[in-house]
Structure formats: structure tokens, C-alpha cells
PDB file of N, CA and C in Angstrom:
ATOM      1  N   MET A   1     -22.158 -18.690  14.684  1.00  0.00           N
ATOM      2  CA  MET A   1     -21.197 -19.488  15.416  1.00  0.00           C
ATOM      3  C   MET A   1     -21.214 -19.089  16.877  1.00  0.00           C
ATOM      4  N   ALA A   2     -21.295 -20.026  17.759  1.00  0.00           N
ATOM      5  CA  ALA A   2     -21.307 -19.756  19.196  1.00  0.00           C
ATOM      6  C   ALA A   2     -19.877 -19.649  19.713  1.00  0.00           C
ATOM      7  N   TYR A   3     -19.628 -18.711  20.573  1.00  0.00           N
ATOM      8  CA  TYR A   3     -18.336 -18.534  21.221  1.00  0.00           C
ATOM      9  C   TYR A   3     -18.493 -18.988  22.653  1.00  0.00           C
ATOM     10  N   ARG A   4     -18.210 -20.256  22.899  1.00  0.00           N
ATOM     11  CA  ARG A   4     -18.416 -20.847  24.210  1.00  0.00           C
ATOM     12  C   ARG A   4     -17.214 -20.621  25.105  1.00  0.00           C
ATOM     13  N   GLY A   5     -17.446 -20.820  26.381  1.00  0.00           N
ATOM     14  CA  GLY A   5     -16.355 -20.755  27.332  1.00  0.00           C
ATOM     15  C   GLY A   5     -16.186 -19.386  27.937  1.00  0.00           C
ATOM     16  N   PHE A   6     -14.959 -19.090  28.285  1.00  0.00           N
ATOM     17  CA  PHE A   6     -14.676 -17.889  29.063  1.00  0.00           C
ATOM     18  C   PHE A   6     -14.320 -16.678  28.227  1.00  0.00           C
ATOM     19  N   HIS A   7     -14.356 -16.797  26.920  1.00  0.00           N
ATOM     20  CA  HIS A   7     -13.951 -15.659  26.105  1.00  0.00           C
ATOM     21  C   HIS A   7     -14.944 -15.402  24.983  1.00  0.00           C
ATOM     22  N   PRO A   8     -15.436 -14.182  24.890  1.00  0.00           N
ATOM     23  CA  PRO A   8     -16.263 -13.845  23.734  1.00  0.00           C
ATOM     24  C   PRO A   8     -15.387 -13.698  22.483  1.00  0.00           C
ATOM     25  N   LYS A   9     -16.001 -13.420  21.389  1.00  0.00           N
ATOM     26  CA  LYS A   9     -15.327 -13.326  20.088  1.00  0.00           C
ATOM     27  C   LYS A   9     -14.079 -12.439  20.141  1.00  0.00           C
ATOM     28  N   ASP A  10     -12.960 -12.983  19.658  1.00  0.00           N
ATOM     29  CA  ASP A  10     -11.696 -12.248  19.490  1.00  0.00           C
ATOM     30  C   ASP A  10     -11.121 -11.679  20.784  1.00  0.00           C
ATOM     31  N   SER A  11     -11.474 -12.231  21.927  1.00  0.00           N
ATOM     32  CA  SER A  11     -10.963 -11.651  23.169  1.00  0.00           C
ATOM     33  C   SER A  11     -10.324 -12.692  24.085  1.00  0.00           C
ATOM     34  N   GLY A  12      -9.704 -13.703  23.510  1.00  0.00           N
ATOM     35  CA  GLY A  12      -9.110 -14.760  24.303  1.00  0.00           C
ATOM     36  C   GLY A  12      -7.701 -14.471  24.799  1.00  0.00           C
ATOM     37  N   GLY A  13      -7.072 -13.415  24.336  1.00  0.00           N
ATOM     38  CA  GLY A  13      -5.705 -13.104  24.748  1.00  0.00           C
ATOM     39  C   GLY A  13      -5.651 -12.178  25.947  1.00  0.00           C
ATOM     40  N   ILE A  14      -4.465 -11.693  26.235  1.00  0.00           N
ATOM     41  CA  ILE A  14      -4.254 -10.823  27.384  1.00  0.00           C
ATOM     42  C   ILE A  14      -5.052  -9.524  27.266  1.00  0.00           C
ATOM     43  N   GLU A  15      -5.146  -8.971  26.064  1.00  0.00           N
ATOM     44  CA  GLU A  15      -5.909  -7.727  25.875  1.00  0.00           C
ATOM     45  C   GLU A  15      -7.380  -7.938  26.232  1.00  0.00           C
ATOM     46  N   GLY A  16      -7.932  -9.064  25.814  1.00  0.00           N
ATOM     47  CA  GLY A  16      -9.319  -9.368  26.148  1.00  0.00           C
ATOM     48  C   GLY A  16      -9.520  -9.542  27.641  1.00  0.00           C
ATOM     49  N   THR A  17      -8.560 -10.194  28.294  1.00  0.00           N
ATOM     50  CA  THR A  17      -8.645 -10.383  29.748  1.00  0.00           C
ATOM     51  C   THR A  17      -8.575  -9.044  30.475  1.00  0.00           C
ATOM     52  N   ILE A  18      -7.667  -8.190  30.053  1.00  0.00           N
ATOM     53  CA  ILE A  18      -7.551  -6.863  30.666  1.00  0.00           C
ATOM     54  C   ILE A  18      -8.834  -6.068  30.442  1.00  0.00           C
ATOM     55  N   ASN A  19      -9.373  -6.108  29.232  1.00  0.00           N
ATOM     56  CA  ASN A  19     -10.612  -5.374  28.955  1.00  0.00           C
ATOM     57  C   ASN A  19     -11.794  -5.952  29.723  1.00  0.00           C
ATOM     58  N   HIS A  20     -11.802  -7.269  29.933  1.00  0.00           N
ATOM     59  CA  HIS A  20     -12.850  -7.895  30.751  1.00  0.00           C
ATOM     60  C   HIS A  20     -12.782  -7.340  32.177  1.00  0.00           C
ATOM     61  N   GLU A  21     -11.597  -7.335  32.748  1.00  0.00           N
ATOM     62  CA  GLU A  21     -11.444  -6.836  34.121  1.00  0.00           C
ATOM     63  C   GLU A  21     -11.739  -5.339  34.193  1.00  0.00           C
ATOM     64  N   LEU A  22     -11.374  -4.598  33.175  1.00  0.00           N
ATOM     65  CA  LEU A  22     -11.713  -3.178  33.109  1.00  0.00           C
ATOM     66  C   LEU A  22     -13.228  -2.993  33.064  1.00  0.00           C
ATOM     67  N   GLY A  23     -13.915  -3.900  32.399  1.00  0.00           N
ATOM     68  CA  GLY A  23     -15.376  -3.859  32.368  1.00  0.00           C
ATOM     69  C   GLY A  23     -15.966  -3.948  33.768  1.00  0.00           C
ATOM     70  N   HIS A  24     -15.367  -4.782  34.627  1.00  0.00           N
ATOM     71  CA  HIS A  24     -15.817  -4.866  36.019  1.00  0.00           C
ATOM     72  C   HIS A  24     -15.586  -3.548  36.754  1.00  0.00           C
ATOM     73  N   VAL A  25     -14.441  -2.941  36.534  1.00  0.00           N
ATOM     74  CA  VAL A  25     -14.128  -1.668  37.188  1.00  0.00           C
ATOM     75  C   VAL A  25     -15.122  -0.592  36.748  1.00  0.00           C
ATOM     76  N   ILE A  26     -15.366  -0.523  35.461  1.00  0.00           N
ATOM     77  CA  ILE A  26     -16.321   0.465  34.932  1.00  0.00           C
ATOM     78  C   ILE A  26     -17.706   0.219  35.514  1.00  0.00           C
ATOM     79  N   ASP A  27     -18.124  -1.030  35.551  1.00  0.00           N
ATOM     80  CA  ASP A  27     -19.424  -1.370  36.118  1.00  0.00           C
ATOM     81  C   ASP A  27     -19.497  -0.942  37.585  1.00  0.00           C
ATOM     82  N   ASN A  28     -18.455  -1.223  38.354  1.00  0.00           N
ATOM     83  CA  ASN A  28     -18.451  -0.851  39.773  1.00  0.00           C
ATOM     84  C   ASN A  28     -18.512   0.658  39.979  1.00  0.00           C
ATOM     85  N   ILE A  29     -17.838   1.402  39.129  1.00  0.00           N
ATOM     86  CA  ILE A  29     -17.831   2.863  39.261  1.00  0.00           C
ATOM     87  C   ILE A  29     -19.145   3.477  38.787  1.00  0.00           C
ATOM     88  N   LEU A  30     -19.650   3.007  37.654  1.00  0.00           N
ATOM     89  CA  LEU A  30     -20.822   3.629  37.027  1.00  0.00           C
ATOM     90  C   LEU A  30     -22.140   2.940  37.355  1.00  0.00           C
ATOM     91  N   GLY A  31     -22.107   1.768  37.974  1.00  0.00           N
ATOM     92  CA  GLY A  31     -23.339   1.037  38.253  1.00  0.00           C
ATOM     93  C   GLY A  31     -24.065   0.602  37.000  1.00  0.00           C
ATOM     94  N   VAL A  32     -23.305   0.167  36.008  1.00  0.00           N
ATOM     95  CA  VAL A  32     -23.883  -0.249  34.732  1.00  0.00           C
ATOM     96  C   VAL A  32     -24.914  -1.362  34.939  1.00  0.00           C
ATOM     97  N   ASN A  33     -24.673  -2.232  35.917  1.00  0.00           N
ATOM     98  CA  ASN A  33     -25.586  -3.357  36.158  1.00  0.00           C
ATOM     99  C   ASN A  33     -26.960  -2.922  36.644  1.00  0.00           C
ATOM    100  N   ARG A  34     -27.108  -1.666  37.011  1.00  0.00           N
ATOM    101  CA  ARG A  34     -28.421  -1.158  37.443  1.00  0.00           C
ATOM    102  C   ARG A  34     -29.187  -0.458  36.309  1.00  0.00           C
ATOM    103  N   ASP A  35     -28.549  -0.303  35.169  1.00  0.00           N
ATOM    104  CA  ASP A  35     -29.186   0.347  34.019  1.00  0.00           C
ATOM    105  C   ASP A  35     -30.299  -0.556  33.487  1.00  0.00           C
ATOM    106  N   LYS A  36     -31.493   0.001  33.309  1.00  0.00           N
ATOM    107  CA  LYS A  36     -32.643  -0.814  32.893  1.00  0.00           C
ATOM    108  C   LYS A  36     -32.442  -1.430  31.508  1.00  0.00           C
ATOM    109  N   ARG A  37     -31.727  -0.760  30.619  1.00  0.00           N
ATOM    110  CA  ARG A  37     -31.483  -1.319  29.285  1.00  0.00           C
ATOM    111  C   ARG A  37     -30.550  -2.532  29.368  1.00  0.00           C
ATOM    112  N   ILE A  38     -29.546  -2.432  30.213  1.00  0.00           N
ATOM    113  CA  ILE A  38     -28.605  -3.537  30.409  1.00  0.00           C
ATOM    114  C   ILE A  38     -29.323  -4.726  31.043  1.00  0.00           C
ATOM    115  N   LYS A  39     -30.121  -4.459  32.066  1.00  0.00           N
ATOM    116  CA  LYS A  39     -30.887  -5.533  32.712  1.00  0.00           C
ATOM    117  C   LYS A  39     -31.783  -6.236  31.706  1.00  0.00           C
ATOM    118  N   TYR A  40     -32.440  -5.457  30.865  1.00  0.00           N
ATOM    119  CA  TYR A  40     -33.333  -6.015  29.851  1.00  0.00           C
ATOM    120  C   TYR A  40     -32.553  -6.901  28.877  1.00  0.00           C
ATOM    121  N   MET A  41     -31.420  -6.395  28.380  1.00  0.00           N
ATOM    122  CA  MET A  41     -30.618  -7.176  27.431  1.00  0.00           C
ATOM    123  C   MET A  41     -30.130  -8.476  28.062  1.00  0.00           C
ATOM    124  N   TYR A  42     -29.724  -8.395  29.321  1.00  0.00           N
ATOM    125  CA  TYR A  42     -29.249  -9.596  30.011  1.00  0.00           C
ATOM    126  C   TYR A  42     -30.364 -10.634  30.111  1.00  0.00           C
ATOM    127  N   LYS A  43     -31.529 -10.205  30.572  1.00  0.00           N
ATOM    128  CA  LYS A  43     -32.646 -11.137  30.735  1.00  0.00           C
ATOM    129  C   LYS A  43     -33.122 -11.689  29.397  1.00  0.00           C
ATOM    130  N   GLN A  44     -33.194 -10.850  28.375  1.00  0.00           N
ATOM    131  CA  GLN A  44     -33.677 -11.270  27.058  1.00  0.00           C
ATOM    132  C   GLN A  44     -32.750 -12.288  26.386  1.00  0.00           C
ATOM    133  N   ASN A  45     -31.457 -12.201  26.663  1.00  0.00           N
ATOM    134  CA  ASN A  45     -30.484 -13.045  25.971  1.00  0.00           C
ATOM    135  C   ASN A  45     -29.933 -14.183  26.820  1.00  0.00           C
ATOM    136  N   LEU A  46     -30.401 -14.297  28.047  1.00  0.00           N
ATOM    137  CA  LEU A  46     -29.842 -15.275  28.978  1.00  0.00           C
ATOM    138  C   LEU A  46     -29.888 -16.701  28.444  1.00  0.00           C
ATOM    139  N   ASN A  47     -30.972 -17.093  27.811  1.00  0.00           N
ATOM    140  CA  ASN A  47     -31.101 -18.464  27.315  1.00  0.00           C
ATOM    141  C   ASN A  47     -30.237 -18.759  26.091  1.00  0.00           C
ATOM    142  N   ASN A  48     -29.764 -17.728  25.426  1.00  0.00           N
ATOM    143  CA  ASN A  48     -28.927 -17.901  24.229  1.00  0.00           C
ATOM    144  C   ASN A  48     -27.602 -17.160  24.341  1.00  0.00           C
ATOM    145  N   MET A  49     -27.166 -16.911  25.567  1.00  0.00           N
ATOM    146  CA  MET A  49     -25.977 -16.093  25.780  1.00  0.00           C
ATOM    147  C   MET A  49     -24.738 -16.661  25.089  1.00  0.00           C
ATOM    148  N   SER A  50     -24.591 -17.983  25.089  1.00  0.00           N
ATOM    149  CA  SER A  50     -23.405 -18.568  24.444  1.00  0.00           C
ATOM    150  C   SER A  50     -23.408 -18.300  22.941  1.00  0.00           C
ATOM    151  N   LYS A  51     -24.563 -18.126  22.369  1.00  0.00           N
ATOM    152  CA  LYS A  51     -24.672 -17.828  20.941  1.00  0.00           C
ATOM    153  C   LYS A  51     -24.346 -16.359  20.640  1.00  0.00           C
ATOM    154  N   TYR A  52     -24.765 -15.463  21.524  1.00  0.00           N
ATOM    155  CA  TYR A  52     -24.626 -14.035  21.257  1.00  0.00           C
ATOM    156  C   TYR A  52     -23.425 -13.370  21.923  1.00  0.00           C
ATOM    157  N   LEU A  53     -22.822 -14.045  22.927  1.00  0.00           N
ATOM    158  CA  LEU A  53     -21.695 -13.437  23.624  1.00  0.00           C
ATOM    159  C   LEU A  53     -20.726 -14.534  24.070  1.00  0.00           C
ATOM    160  N   SER A  54     -20.990 -15.159  25.206  1.00  0.00           N
ATOM    161  CA  SER A  54     -20.195 -16.304  25.670  1.00  0.00           C
ATOM    162  C   SER A  54     -20.977 -17.033  26.749  1.00  0.00           C
ATOM    163  N   GLU A  55     -20.610 -18.264  26.956  1.00  0.00           N
ATOM    164  CA  GLU A  55     -21.260 -19.055  28.005  1.00  0.00           C
ATOM    165  C   GLU A  55     -21.004 -18.443  29.387  1.00  0.00           C
ATOM    166  N   TYR A  56     -19.814 -17.912  29.585  1.00  0.00           N
ATOM    167  CA  TYR A  56     -19.453 -17.315  30.870  1.00  0.00           C
ATOM    168  C   TYR A  56     -20.328 -16.103  31.188  1.00  0.00           C
ATOM    169  N   ALA A  57     -20.812 -15.418  30.166  1.00  0.00           N
ATOM    170  CA  ALA A  57     -21.673 -14.243  30.373  1.00  0.00           C
ATOM    171  C   ALA A  57     -22.997 -14.612  31.036  1.00  0.00           C
ATOM    172  N   GLU A  58     -23.347 -15.897  31.024  1.00  0.00           N
ATOM    173  CA  GLU A  58     -24.571 -16.355  31.686  1.00  0.00           C
ATOM    174  C   GLU A  58     -24.443 -16.342  33.208  1.00  0.00           C
ATOM    175  N   THR A  59     -23.223 -16.304  33.730  1.00  0.00           N
ATOM    176  CA  THR A  59     -22.958 -16.420  35.164  1.00  0.00           C
ATOM    177  C   THR A  59     -23.795 -15.440  35.979  1.00  0.00           C
ATOM    178  N   ASN A  60     -23.741 -14.175  35.617  1.00  0.00           N
ATOM    179  CA  ASN A  60     -24.523 -13.114  36.268  1.00  0.00           C
ATOM    180  C   ASN A  60     -24.389 -11.846  35.437  1.00  0.00           C
ATOM    181  N   ILE A  61     -25.127 -10.822  35.816  1.00  0.00           N
ATOM    182  CA  ILE A  61     -25.145  -9.596  35.012  1.00  0.00           C
ATOM    183  C   ILE A  61     -23.786  -8.912  34.986  1.00  0.00           C
ATOM    184  N   LYS A  62     -23.020  -9.018  36.050  1.00  0.00           N
ATOM    185  CA  LYS A  62     -21.694  -8.393  36.083  1.00  0.00           C
ATOM    186  C   LYS A  62     -20.736  -9.061  35.093  1.00  0.00           C
ATOM    187  N   GLU A  63     -20.804 -10.380  34.992  1.00  0.00           N
ATOM    188  CA  GLU A  63     -19.960 -11.070  34.007  1.00  0.00           C
ATOM    189  C   GLU A  63     -20.453 -10.796  32.591  1.00  0.00           C
ATOM    190  N   PHE A  64     -21.750 -10.652  32.425  1.00  0.00           N
ATOM    191  CA  PHE A  64     -22.319 -10.275  31.128  1.00  0.00           C
ATOM    192  C   PHE A  64     -21.740  -8.942  30.665  1.00  0.00           C
ATOM    193  N   ILE A  65     -21.716  -7.966  31.551  1.00  0.00           N
ATOM    194  CA  ILE A  65     -21.188  -6.641  31.218  1.00  0.00           C
ATOM    195  C   ILE A  65     -19.706  -6.721  30.879  1.00  0.00           C
ATOM    196  N   ALA A  66     -18.943  -7.421  31.702  1.00  0.00           N
ATOM    197  CA  ALA A  66     -17.501  -7.537  31.471  1.00  0.00           C
ATOM    198  C   ALA A  66     -17.192  -8.272  30.167  1.00  0.00           C
ATOM    199  N   GLU A  67     -17.927  -9.334  29.874  1.00  0.00           N
ATOM    200  CA  GLU A  67     -17.723 -10.072  28.635  1.00  0.00           C
ATOM    201  C   GLU A  67     -18.089  -9.211  27.419  1.00  0.00           C
ATOM    202  N   ALA A  68     -19.179  -8.486  27.523  1.00  0.00           N
ATOM    203  CA  ALA A  68     -19.586  -7.617  26.417  1.00  0.00           C
ATOM    204  C   ALA A  68     -18.544  -6.522  26.188  1.00  0.00           C
ATOM    205  N   TRP A  69     -18.049  -5.924  27.272  1.00  0.00           N
ATOM    206  CA  TRP A  69     -17.043  -4.864  27.150  1.00  0.00           C
ATOM    207  C   TRP A  69     -15.754  -5.421  26.530  1.00  0.00           C
ATOM    208  N   ALA A  70     -15.367  -6.624  26.940  1.00  0.00           N
ATOM    209  CA  ALA A  70     -14.159  -7.245  26.388  1.00  0.00           C
ATOM    210  C   ALA A  70     -14.288  -7.437  24.879  1.00  0.00           C
ATOM    211  N   GLU A  71     -15.430  -7.953  24.440  1.00  0.00           N
ATOM    212  CA  GLU A  71     -15.612  -8.138  22.996  1.00  0.00           C
ATOM    213  C   GLU A  71     -15.696  -6.804  22.279  1.00  0.00           C
ATOM    214  N   TYR A  72     -16.439  -5.870  22.838  1.00  0.00           N
ATOM    215  CA  TYR A  72     -16.631  -4.567  22.206  1.00  0.00           C
ATOM    216  C   TYR A  72     -15.301  -3.833  22.010  1.00  0.00           C
ATOM    217  N   THR A  73     -14.423  -3.934  22.991  1.00  0.00           N
ATOM    218  CA  THR A  73     -13.166  -3.186  22.929  1.00  0.00           C
ATOM    219  C   THR A  73     -12.013  -3.964  22.305  1.00  0.00           C
ATOM    220  N   THR A  74     -12.144  -5.274  22.170  1.00  0.00           N
ATOM    221  CA  THR A  74     -11.052  -6.086  21.658  1.00  0.00           C
ATOM    222  C   THR A  74     -11.273  -6.558  20.229  1.00  0.00           C
ATOM    223  N   SER A  75     -12.491  -6.939  19.901  1.00  0.00           N
ATOM    224  CA  SER A  75     -12.776  -7.486  18.577  1.00  0.00           C
ATOM    225  C   SER A  75     -12.843  -6.387  17.521  1.00  0.00           C
ATOM    226  N   PRO A  76     -12.245  -6.603  16.359  1.00  0.00           N
ATOM    227  CA  PRO A  76     -12.391  -5.624  15.280  1.00  0.00           C
ATOM    228  C   PRO A  76     -13.821  -5.595  14.723  1.00  0.00           C
ATOM    229  N   THR A  77     -14.579  -6.668  14.983  1.00  0.00           N
ATOM    230  CA  THR A  77     -15.965  -6.737  14.517  1.00  0.00           C
ATOM    231  C   THR A  77     -16.863  -7.289  15.633  1.00  0.00           C
ATOM    232  N   PRO A  78     -17.082  -6.497  16.684  1.00  0.00           N
ATOM    233  CA  PRO A  78     -17.939  -6.987  17.771  1.00  0.00           C
ATOM    234  C   PRO A  78     -19.359  -7.238  17.285  1.00  0.00           C
ATOM    235  N   ARG A  79     -19.972  -8.249  17.880  1.00  0.00           N
ATOM    236  CA  ARG A  79     -21.338  -8.594  17.498  1.00  0.00           C
ATOM    237  C   ARG A  79     -22.342  -7.602  18.101  1.00  0.00           C
ATOM    238  N   LYS A  80     -23.582  -7.761  17.678  1.00  0.00           N
ATOM    239  CA  LYS A  80     -24.657  -6.823  18.000  1.00  0.00           C
ATOM    240  C   LYS A  80     -24.837  -6.606  19.510  1.00  0.00           C
ATOM    241  N   LEU A  81     -24.858  -7.674  20.287  1.00  0.00           N
ATOM    242  CA  LEU A  81     -25.092  -7.546  21.727  1.00  0.00           C
ATOM    243  C   LEU A  81     -23.936  -6.824  22.406  1.00  0.00           C
ATOM    244  N   ALA A  82     -22.707  -7.204  22.083  1.00  0.00           N
ATOM    245  CA  ALA A  82     -21.541  -6.531  22.664  1.00  0.00           C
ATOM    246  C   ALA A  82     -21.525  -5.054  22.272  1.00  0.00           C
ATOM    247  N   THR A  83     -21.880  -4.766  21.043  1.00  0.00           N
ATOM    248  CA  THR A  83     -21.910  -3.378  20.579  1.00  0.00           C
ATOM    249  C   THR A  83     -22.962  -2.569  21.323  1.00  0.00           C
ATOM    250  N   ALA A  84     -24.123  -3.140  21.528  1.00  0.00           N
ATOM    251  CA  ALA A  84     -25.190  -2.425  22.249  1.00  0.00           C
ATOM    252  C   ALA A  84     -24.753  -2.100  23.681  1.00  0.00           C
ATOM    253  N   VAL A  85     -24.172  -3.076  24.363  1.00  0.00           N
ATOM    254  CA  VAL A  85     -23.686  -2.850  25.733  1.00  0.00           C
ATOM    255  C   VAL A  85     -22.551  -1.832  25.716  1.00  0.00           C
ATOM    256  N   GLY A  86     -21.622  -1.982  24.789  1.00  0.00           N
ATOM    257  CA  GLY A  86     -20.483  -1.064  24.696  1.00  0.00           C
ATOM    258  C   GLY A  86     -20.901   0.374  24.476  1.00  0.00           C
ATOM    259  N   LYS A  87     -21.884   0.591  23.639  1.00  0.00           N
ATOM    260  CA  LYS A  87     -22.355   1.957  23.371  1.00  0.00           C
ATOM    261  C   LYS A  87     -23.015   2.568  24.607  1.00  0.00           C
ATOM    262  N   ILE A  88     -23.742   1.769  25.365  1.00  0.00           N
ATOM    263  CA  ILE A  88     -24.340   2.269  26.614  1.00  0.00           C
ATOM    264  C   ILE A  88     -23.234   2.665  27.587  1.00  0.00           C
ATOM    265  N   ILE A  89     -22.230   1.805  27.715  1.00  0.00           N
ATOM    266  CA  ILE A  89     -21.126   2.114  28.621  1.00  0.00           C
ATOM    267  C   ILE A  89     -20.402   3.377  28.162  1.00  0.00           C
ATOM    268  N   GLU A  90     -20.116   3.494  26.879  1.00  0.00           N
ATOM    269  CA  GLU A  90     -19.464   4.690  26.372  1.00  0.00           C
ATOM    270  C   GLU A  90     -20.272   5.946  26.659  1.00  0.00           C
ATOM    271  N   SER A  91     -21.591   5.856  26.533  1.00  0.00           N
ATOM    272  CA  SER A  91     -22.429   7.030  26.805  1.00  0.00           C
ATOM    273  C   SER A  91     -22.340   7.428  28.281  1.00  0.00           C
ATOM    274  N   LYS A  92     -22.210   6.447  29.161  1.00  0.00           N
ATOM    275  CA  LYS A  92     -22.075   6.722  30.596  1.00  0.00           C
ATOM    276  C   LYS A  92     -20.689   7.281  30.922  1.00  0.00           C
ATOM    277  N   LEU A  93     -19.673   6.828  30.209  1.00  0.00           N
ATOM    278  CA  LEU A  93     -18.300   7.306  30.460  1.00  0.00           C
ATOM    279  C   LEU A  93     -18.139   8.790  30.120  1.00  0.00           C
ATOM    280  N   LYS A  94     -18.975   9.297  29.228  1.00  0.00           N
ATOM    281  CA  LYS A  94     -18.894  10.706  28.847  1.00  0.00           C
ATOM    282  C   LYS A  94     -19.184  11.638  30.015  1.00  0.00           C
ATOM    283  N   TYR A  95     -19.863  11.133  31.029  1.00  0.00           N
ATOM    284  CA  TYR A  95     -20.299  11.990  32.126  1.00  0.00           C
ATOM    285  C   TYR A  95     -19.421  11.893  33.369  1.00  0.00           C
ATOM    286  N   ILE A  96     -18.273  11.217  33.255  1.00  0.00           N
ATOM    287  CA  ILE A  96     -17.397  11.174  34.432  1.00  0.00           C
ATOM    288  C   ILE A  96     -16.143  11.975  34.196  1.00  0.00           C
TER     289      ILE A  96
END
């Protein structure tokens, strides 16, 4: 099932919005958008982003990261792409 629009799976409420914006803050602090694994995932999934995350995640890599973080932290069952991005971010957070 594709999750189109501005919200990935299970993140359409206020908690998802807050986690999306927090994803931007984390990206700005840690430079997640420069990570080669994140860049690869973004490029590999760009043509099917609405299927794997959300249509809004296609906007640019920063929105991709924020959308993935929102799903990863809000959904009780985040999908594979959101989980992969979330785990990379968590690994980076351990070092700050």
C-alpha cells in the first residue's frame, strides 16, 4: 500500500509532525544528508518513494530523511526504508 502525500505510515498526527521536524534538526546537526548510505537509499528509491515512504519524501534528500525519521519514530511498525534510515540516524546519535 502506498502512503501518498505529506505523511508516511502512521505519522499523520501532531507526533508525526514533531518527529518530522526533529528529523530536520538531527540532519542539520549531524549532516545525515551527507552520509553515503543515506544518499544511496535516496537515489535508489526516488522513483518509488511514494510506495516505500511518502510522495513528499521525493522533494529532496532532507525531506526524505525527515519523513523516514517521522515514520521510524512514530509508527509501531515502520517499513524497511524508514527503519534503515532510522538505524543509521540512531547510530550517529550515539556519538554526540
